[in-house]
Amino acid sequence: MVACSHPGPTAVVTILAGLLAVAAGIGADRVALTAAAVLLGQLSVGWSNDAIDARRDIATGRRDKPIAAGSISRVAVGTAAGVSLALALVLSAVIGWQFCLAHGVALASAWAYNAWLKSSPASVVPFAISFGILPSLATLAAPVPVVAPWWQSVAGALLGIAVHLTNVLPDLEDDEATGVRGLGHRLGATPSAIVAFVAVIAGTVVVVIGSAGTTPVVVALVASVSVLACAAAGLVRALRRPDRVVFRLVMAAGLILAAQLVVTAFAA
């Protein structure tokens, strides 16, 4: 069950949401509720992805996928996805209707990607929507709910675009073989990597502009230089030969942008 939940992305998104909630100063009890709701939501997304993709994973011999390897049944994973989704929405409603609405939209977007949008040119849209909403989950969980600043939402959406285009890079051939042709597959490995790097760079610029006056100059400088360094190295390599190194460089740049979002949220 843990392997089917996509533990890496689930943990990263949950931690990011928790840190943003702490930065929003909403109180320890609401931070815990926010993190728990996001964790349950992410578990539902991961489990639904593996349950929906089970036939494709079996067809391509994905032994790293527990359902395809015969370690667990598709019914068990699908049931867990439904239960965790219901619990996520119940817990979200406890936090407040504004939070529940925003979280519901983010989860609906992610489930829509798993169900059918991953095979369309609009495959990037759910990532932009869900990551764009993420900063507001922290502020909407406050006793007096408010939407996050525009620049946090825009940077989150750009991070989502980069994450999506990066995420498909290792599986392009397997996905193509089973009929999955999202935006990344249609663009190809090199253009996808380039767009991902550009999105991360744009996200960093947005954060620097939006947080100007509240974030120490040295923080903005270090984050910007780090992202640009990863992006420059990745772009050069992507133009020559897109490989796992490009994938890791995009992920590194994305994690720096996520950290920049958290730091600037604390400063704000």
Protein backbone atom coordinates (compact mmCIF):
# COMPACT_ATOMS: atom_id res chain seq x y z
CA MET A 1 0.00 0.00 0.00
CA VAL A 2 2.85 2.38 0.79
CA ALA A 3 4.53 1.75 -2.55
CA CYS A 4 1.22 2.29 -4.40
CA SER A 5 0.74 5.65 -2.70
CA HIS A 6 3.69 7.25 -4.55
CA PRO A 7 5.35 7.96 -1.18
CA GLY A 8 7.91 10.47 -2.48
CA PRO A 9 5.51 13.00 -4.05
CA THR A 10 2.96 12.37 -1.28
CA ALA A 11 5.50 13.21 1.41
CA VAL A 12 6.85 16.26 -0.44
CA VAL A 13 3.41 17.82 -1.03
CA THR A 14 2.30 17.11 2.54
CA ILE A 15 5.46 18.60 4.04
CA LEU A 16 5.19 21.63 1.76
CA ALA A 17 1.57 22.19 2.80
CA GLY A 18 2.51 21.79 6.46
CA LEU A 19 5.39 24.25 6.24
CA LEU A 20 3.23 26.80 4.42
CA ALA A 21 0.61 26.38 7.15
CA VAL A 22 3.22 26.99 9.84
CA ALA A 23 4.41 30.06 7.94
CA ALA A 24 0.82 31.35 7.81
CA GLY A 25 0.73 31.31 11.62
CA ILE A 26 -2.63 29.55 11.87
CA GLY A 27 -1.93 27.69 15.11
CA ALA A 28 -0.58 24.22 15.88
CA ASP A 29 -3.99 22.51 15.87
CA ARG A 30 -4.93 23.87 12.45
CA VAL A 31 -1.47 23.10 11.06
CA ALA A 32 -1.92 19.46 12.14
CA LEU A 33 -5.42 19.28 10.62
CA THR A 34 -4.19 20.85 7.38
CA ALA A 35 -1.27 18.43 7.08
CA ALA A 36 -3.53 15.45 7.86
CA ALA A 37 -6.14 16.50 5.29
CA VAL A 38 -3.50 17.03 2.61
CA LEU A 39 -1.83 13.71 3.44
CA LEU A 40 -5.13 11.83 3.10
CA GLY A 41 -5.84 13.64 -0.16
CA GLN A 42 -2.42 12.82 -1.58
CA LEU A 43 -2.79 9.17 -0.56
CA SER A 44 -6.07 9.07 -2.50
CA VAL A 45 -4.36 10.55 -5.54
CA GLY A 46 -1.47 8.09 -5.43
CA TRP A 47 -3.66 5.04 -4.86
CA SER A 48 -6.17 6.04 -7.53
CA ASN A 49 -3.33 6.52 -10.00
CA ASP A 50 -2.03 2.98 -9.50
CA ALA A 51 -5.53 1.46 -9.49
CA ILE A 52 -6.49 3.23 -12.72
CA ASP A 53 -3.14 2.49 -14.40
CA ALA A 54 -3.05 -1.18 -13.34
CA ARG A 55 -3.84 -2.61 -16.79
CA ARG A 56 -1.25 -0.40 -18.48
CA ASP A 57 1.38 -1.28 -15.86
CA ILE A 58 0.71 -4.99 -16.34
CA ALA A 59 0.91 -4.61 -20.13
CA THR A 60 4.32 -2.93 -19.92
CA GLY A 61 5.68 -5.31 -17.28
CA ARG A 62 6.15 -2.67 -14.58
CA ARG A 63 7.51 -4.93 -11.83
CA ASP A 64 8.13 -1.84 -9.70
CA LYS A 65 4.35 -1.39 -9.45
CA PRO A 66 2.85 -3.61 -6.69
CA ILE A 67 -0.42 -4.32 -8.54
CA ALA A 68 1.39 -5.31 -11.74
CA ALA A 69 3.82 -7.41 -9.69
CA GLY A 70 0.90 -9.25 -8.07
CA SER A 71 1.76 -8.04 -4.55
CA ILE A 72 -1.65 -6.48 -3.95
CA SER A 73 -5.02 -6.43 -5.68
CA ARG A 74 -6.36 -3.57 -7.74
CA VAL A 75 -9.62 -3.70 -5.74
CA ALA A 76 -7.78 -3.16 -2.45
CA VAL A 77 -5.88 -0.16 -3.78
CA GLY A 78 -8.96 1.34 -5.42
CA THR A 79 -10.96 0.93 -2.21
CA ALA A 80 -8.21 2.61 -0.20
CA ALA A 81 -8.25 5.50 -2.67
CA GLY A 82 -11.98 6.04 -2.24
CA VAL A 83 -11.87 5.80 1.56
CA SER A 84 -8.92 8.20 1.88
CA LEU A 85 -10.64 10.68 -0.46
CA ALA A 86 -13.78 10.63 1.68
CA LEU A 87 -11.76 11.09 4.89
CA ALA A 88 -9.78 13.95 3.31
CA LEU A 89 -12.98 15.79 2.44
CA VAL A 90 -14.54 15.18 5.88
CA LEU A 91 -11.43 16.50 7.62
CA SER A 92 -11.35 19.45 5.21
CA ALA A 93 -14.95 20.27 6.12
CA VAL A 94 -13.97 20.26 9.81
CA ILE A 95 -11.34 22.91 9.04
CA GLY A 96 -13.86 25.09 7.19
CA TRP A 97 -16.00 25.23 4.06
CA GLN A 98 -13.57 27.53 2.23
CA PHE A 99 -10.70 25.11 2.84
CA CYS A 100 -12.92 22.16 1.88
CA LEU A 101 -13.93 23.83 -1.38
CA ALA A 102 -10.34 24.66 -2.36
CA HIS A 103 -9.04 21.22 -1.37
CA GLY A 104 -11.94 19.57 -3.17
CA VAL A 105 -11.12 21.41 -6.39
CA ALA A 106 -7.44 20.46 -6.10
CA LEU A 107 -8.30 16.79 -5.53
CA ALA A 108 -10.90 16.73 -8.32
CA SER A 109 -8.23 18.14 -10.63
CA ALA A 110 -5.72 15.47 -9.60
CA TRP A 111 -8.23 12.62 -9.95
CA ALA A 112 -9.29 13.96 -13.37
CA TYR A 113 -5.65 13.75 -14.43
CA ASN A 114 -5.44 10.13 -13.27
CA ALA A 115 -8.71 9.19 -14.95
CA TRP A 116 -8.33 10.70 -18.42
CA LEU A 117 -6.51 14.04 -18.71
CA LYS A 118 -3.07 12.41 -18.57
CA SER A 119 -3.68 11.22 -22.14
CA SER A 120 -4.69 14.63 -23.49
CA PRO A 121 -2.84 17.80 -24.52
CA ALA A 122 -4.35 19.40 -21.38
CA SER A 123 -2.46 17.00 -19.09
CA VAL A 124 -0.54 19.89 -17.56
CA VAL A 125 -3.69 21.76 -16.47
CA PRO A 126 -4.47 19.67 -13.35
CA PHE A 127 -0.94 20.18 -12.06
CA ALA A 128 -1.13 23.94 -12.59
CA ILE A 129 -4.51 24.07 -10.83
CA SER A 130 -3.65 21.85 -7.86
CA PHE A 131 -0.22 23.35 -7.18
CA GLY A 132 -1.63 26.84 -7.70
CA ILE A 133 -4.21 26.15 -4.98
CA LEU A 134 -1.67 24.65 -2.53
CA PRO A 135 -0.46 27.96 -0.99
CA SER A 136 -4.06 28.98 -0.33
CA LEU A 137 -4.76 25.78 1.62
CA ALA A 138 -2.51 27.18 4.35
CA THR A 139 -4.21 30.56 4.52
CA LEU A 140 -7.75 29.21 4.07
CA ALA A 141 -7.19 26.98 7.11
CA ALA A 142 -6.81 30.08 9.32
CA PRO A 143 -9.58 31.09 11.77
CA VAL A 144 -10.24 33.99 9.38
CA PRO A 145 -9.75 32.37 5.94
CA VAL A 146 -8.04 34.36 3.18
CA VAL A 147 -6.64 33.47 -0.23
CA ALA A 148 -2.85 33.37 -0.52
CA PRO A 149 -1.06 36.29 -2.23
CA TRP A 150 -1.24 36.18 -6.04
CA TRP A 151 2.46 35.58 -6.45
CA GLN A 152 2.40 32.44 -4.30
CA SER A 153 -0.44 31.01 -6.38
CA VAL A 154 1.28 31.85 -9.68
CA ALA A 155 4.59 30.40 -8.48
CA GLY A 156 2.77 27.28 -7.29
CA ALA A 157 1.12 26.85 -10.69
CA LEU A 158 4.45 27.24 -12.46
CA LEU A 159 5.99 24.69 -10.09
CA GLY A 160 3.14 22.33 -10.97
CA ILE A 161 3.84 22.72 -14.68
CA ALA A 162 7.50 21.91 -14.12
CA VAL A 163 6.66 18.91 -11.92
CA HIS A 164 4.31 17.46 -14.54
CA LEU A 165 6.67 17.81 -17.47
CA THR A 166 9.51 16.41 -15.36
CA ASN A 167 7.44 13.54 -14.02
CA VAL A 168 6.71 12.11 -17.48
CA LEU A 169 10.32 12.13 -18.69
CA PRO A 170 11.37 8.70 -17.30
CA ASP A 171 8.24 6.93 -18.61
CA LEU A 172 7.81 8.39 -22.10
CA GLU A 173 8.38 5.12 -23.95
CA ASP A 174 6.21 2.96 -21.66
CA ASP A 175 3.40 5.53 -21.74
CA GLU A 176 3.50 5.81 -25.52
CA ALA A 177 3.30 2.03 -25.83
CA THR A 178 0.04 1.96 -23.87
CA GLY A 179 -1.62 4.93 -25.55
CA VAL A 180 -0.86 7.65 -23.00
CA ARG A 181 -0.04 10.83 -24.91
CA GLY A 182 -0.12 13.83 -22.63
CA LEU A 183 1.49 17.19 -23.31
CA GLY A 184 4.96 15.93 -22.40
CA HIS A 185 4.69 13.01 -24.81
CA ARG A 186 3.51 15.29 -27.59
CA LEU A 187 6.33 17.78 -27.00
CA GLY A 188 9.04 15.16 -26.62
CA ALA A 189 11.79 14.79 -24.01
CA THR A 190 13.97 17.79 -24.88
CA PRO A 191 11.17 20.38 -25.35
CA SER A 192 9.47 19.13 -22.16
CA ALA A 193 12.66 19.57 -20.16
CA ILE A 194 13.18 23.05 -21.61
CA VAL A 195 9.63 24.15 -20.77
CA ALA A 196 10.01 22.71 -17.25
CA PHE A 197 13.20 24.69 -16.65
CA VAL A 198 11.63 27.88 -18.03
CA ALA A 199 8.62 27.38 -15.73
CA VAL A 200 10.86 27.05 -12.68
CA ILE A 201 12.86 30.14 -13.65
CA ALA A 202 9.63 32.10 -14.17
CA GLY A 203 8.38 30.88 -10.79
CA THR A 204 11.51 32.16 -9.08
CA VAL A 205 11.17 35.54 -10.78
CA VAL A 206 7.53 35.77 -9.66
CA VAL A 207 8.47 34.97 -6.04
CA VAL A 208 11.28 37.53 -6.04
CA ILE A 209 8.98 40.24 -7.44
CA GLY A 210 6.02 39.35 -5.24
CA SER A 211 8.00 39.11 -2.02
CA ALA A 212 10.14 42.20 -2.64
CA GLY A 213 10.41 44.30 0.49
CA THR A 214 9.63 41.43 2.88
CA THR A 215 12.28 38.85 2.03
CA PRO A 216 15.99 39.46 2.83
CA VAL A 217 17.95 40.23 -0.33
CA VAL A 218 20.46 37.47 0.41
CA VAL A 219 17.66 34.85 0.49
CA ALA A 220 16.28 35.99 -2.85
CA LEU A 221 19.79 36.08 -4.33
CA VAL A 222 20.79 32.60 -3.13
CA ALA A 223 17.53 31.03 -4.31
CA SER A 224 17.64 32.75 -7.69
CA VAL A 225 21.28 31.86 -8.36
CA SER A 226 20.68 28.23 -7.30
CA VAL A 227 17.67 27.84 -9.59
CA LEU A 228 19.44 29.52 -12.49
CA ALA A 229 22.51 27.30 -12.01
CA CYS A 230 20.41 24.11 -12.09
CA ALA A 231 18.41 25.41 -15.03
CA ALA A 232 21.47 26.43 -17.04
CA ALA A 233 23.18 23.08 -16.50
CA GLY A 234 19.97 21.23 -17.28
CA LEU A 235 19.18 23.20 -20.42
CA VAL A 236 22.64 22.59 -21.84
CA ARG A 237 22.37 18.85 -21.14
CA ALA A 238 18.78 18.64 -22.41
CA LEU A 239 19.80 20.18 -25.73
CA ARG A 240 22.59 17.64 -26.08
CA ARG A 241 21.00 14.46 -24.68
CA PRO A 242 18.00 14.37 -22.34
CA ASP A 243 18.60 11.72 -19.65
CA ARG A 244 18.20 11.01 -15.94
CA VAL A 245 20.59 13.83 -15.07
CA VAL A 246 18.22 16.32 -16.72
CA PHE A 247 15.37 14.80 -14.73
CA ARG A 248 17.30 15.24 -11.47
CA LEU A 249 18.31 18.82 -12.31
CA VAL A 250 14.70 19.81 -13.00
CA MET A 251 13.62 18.21 -9.71
CA ALA A 252 16.41 20.01 -7.86
CA ALA A 253 15.38 23.35 -9.35
CA GLY A 254 11.74 22.63 -8.46
CA LEU A 255 12.63 21.78 -4.85
CA ILE A 256 14.59 25.03 -4.56
CA LEU A 257 11.57 26.95 -5.83
CA ALA A 258 9.36 25.14 -3.29
CA ALA A 259 11.80 26.03 -0.52
CA GLN A 260 11.84 29.62 -1.74
CA LEU A 261 8.03 29.70 -1.50
CA VAL A 262 8.16 28.49 2.11
CA VAL A 263 10.92 30.91 3.17
CA THR A 264 9.20 33.90 1.62
CA ALA A 265 5.91 32.85 3.21
CA PHE A 266 7.60 32.97 6.63
CA ALA A 267 9.10 36.37 5.81
CA ALA A 268 5.75 37.74 4.68
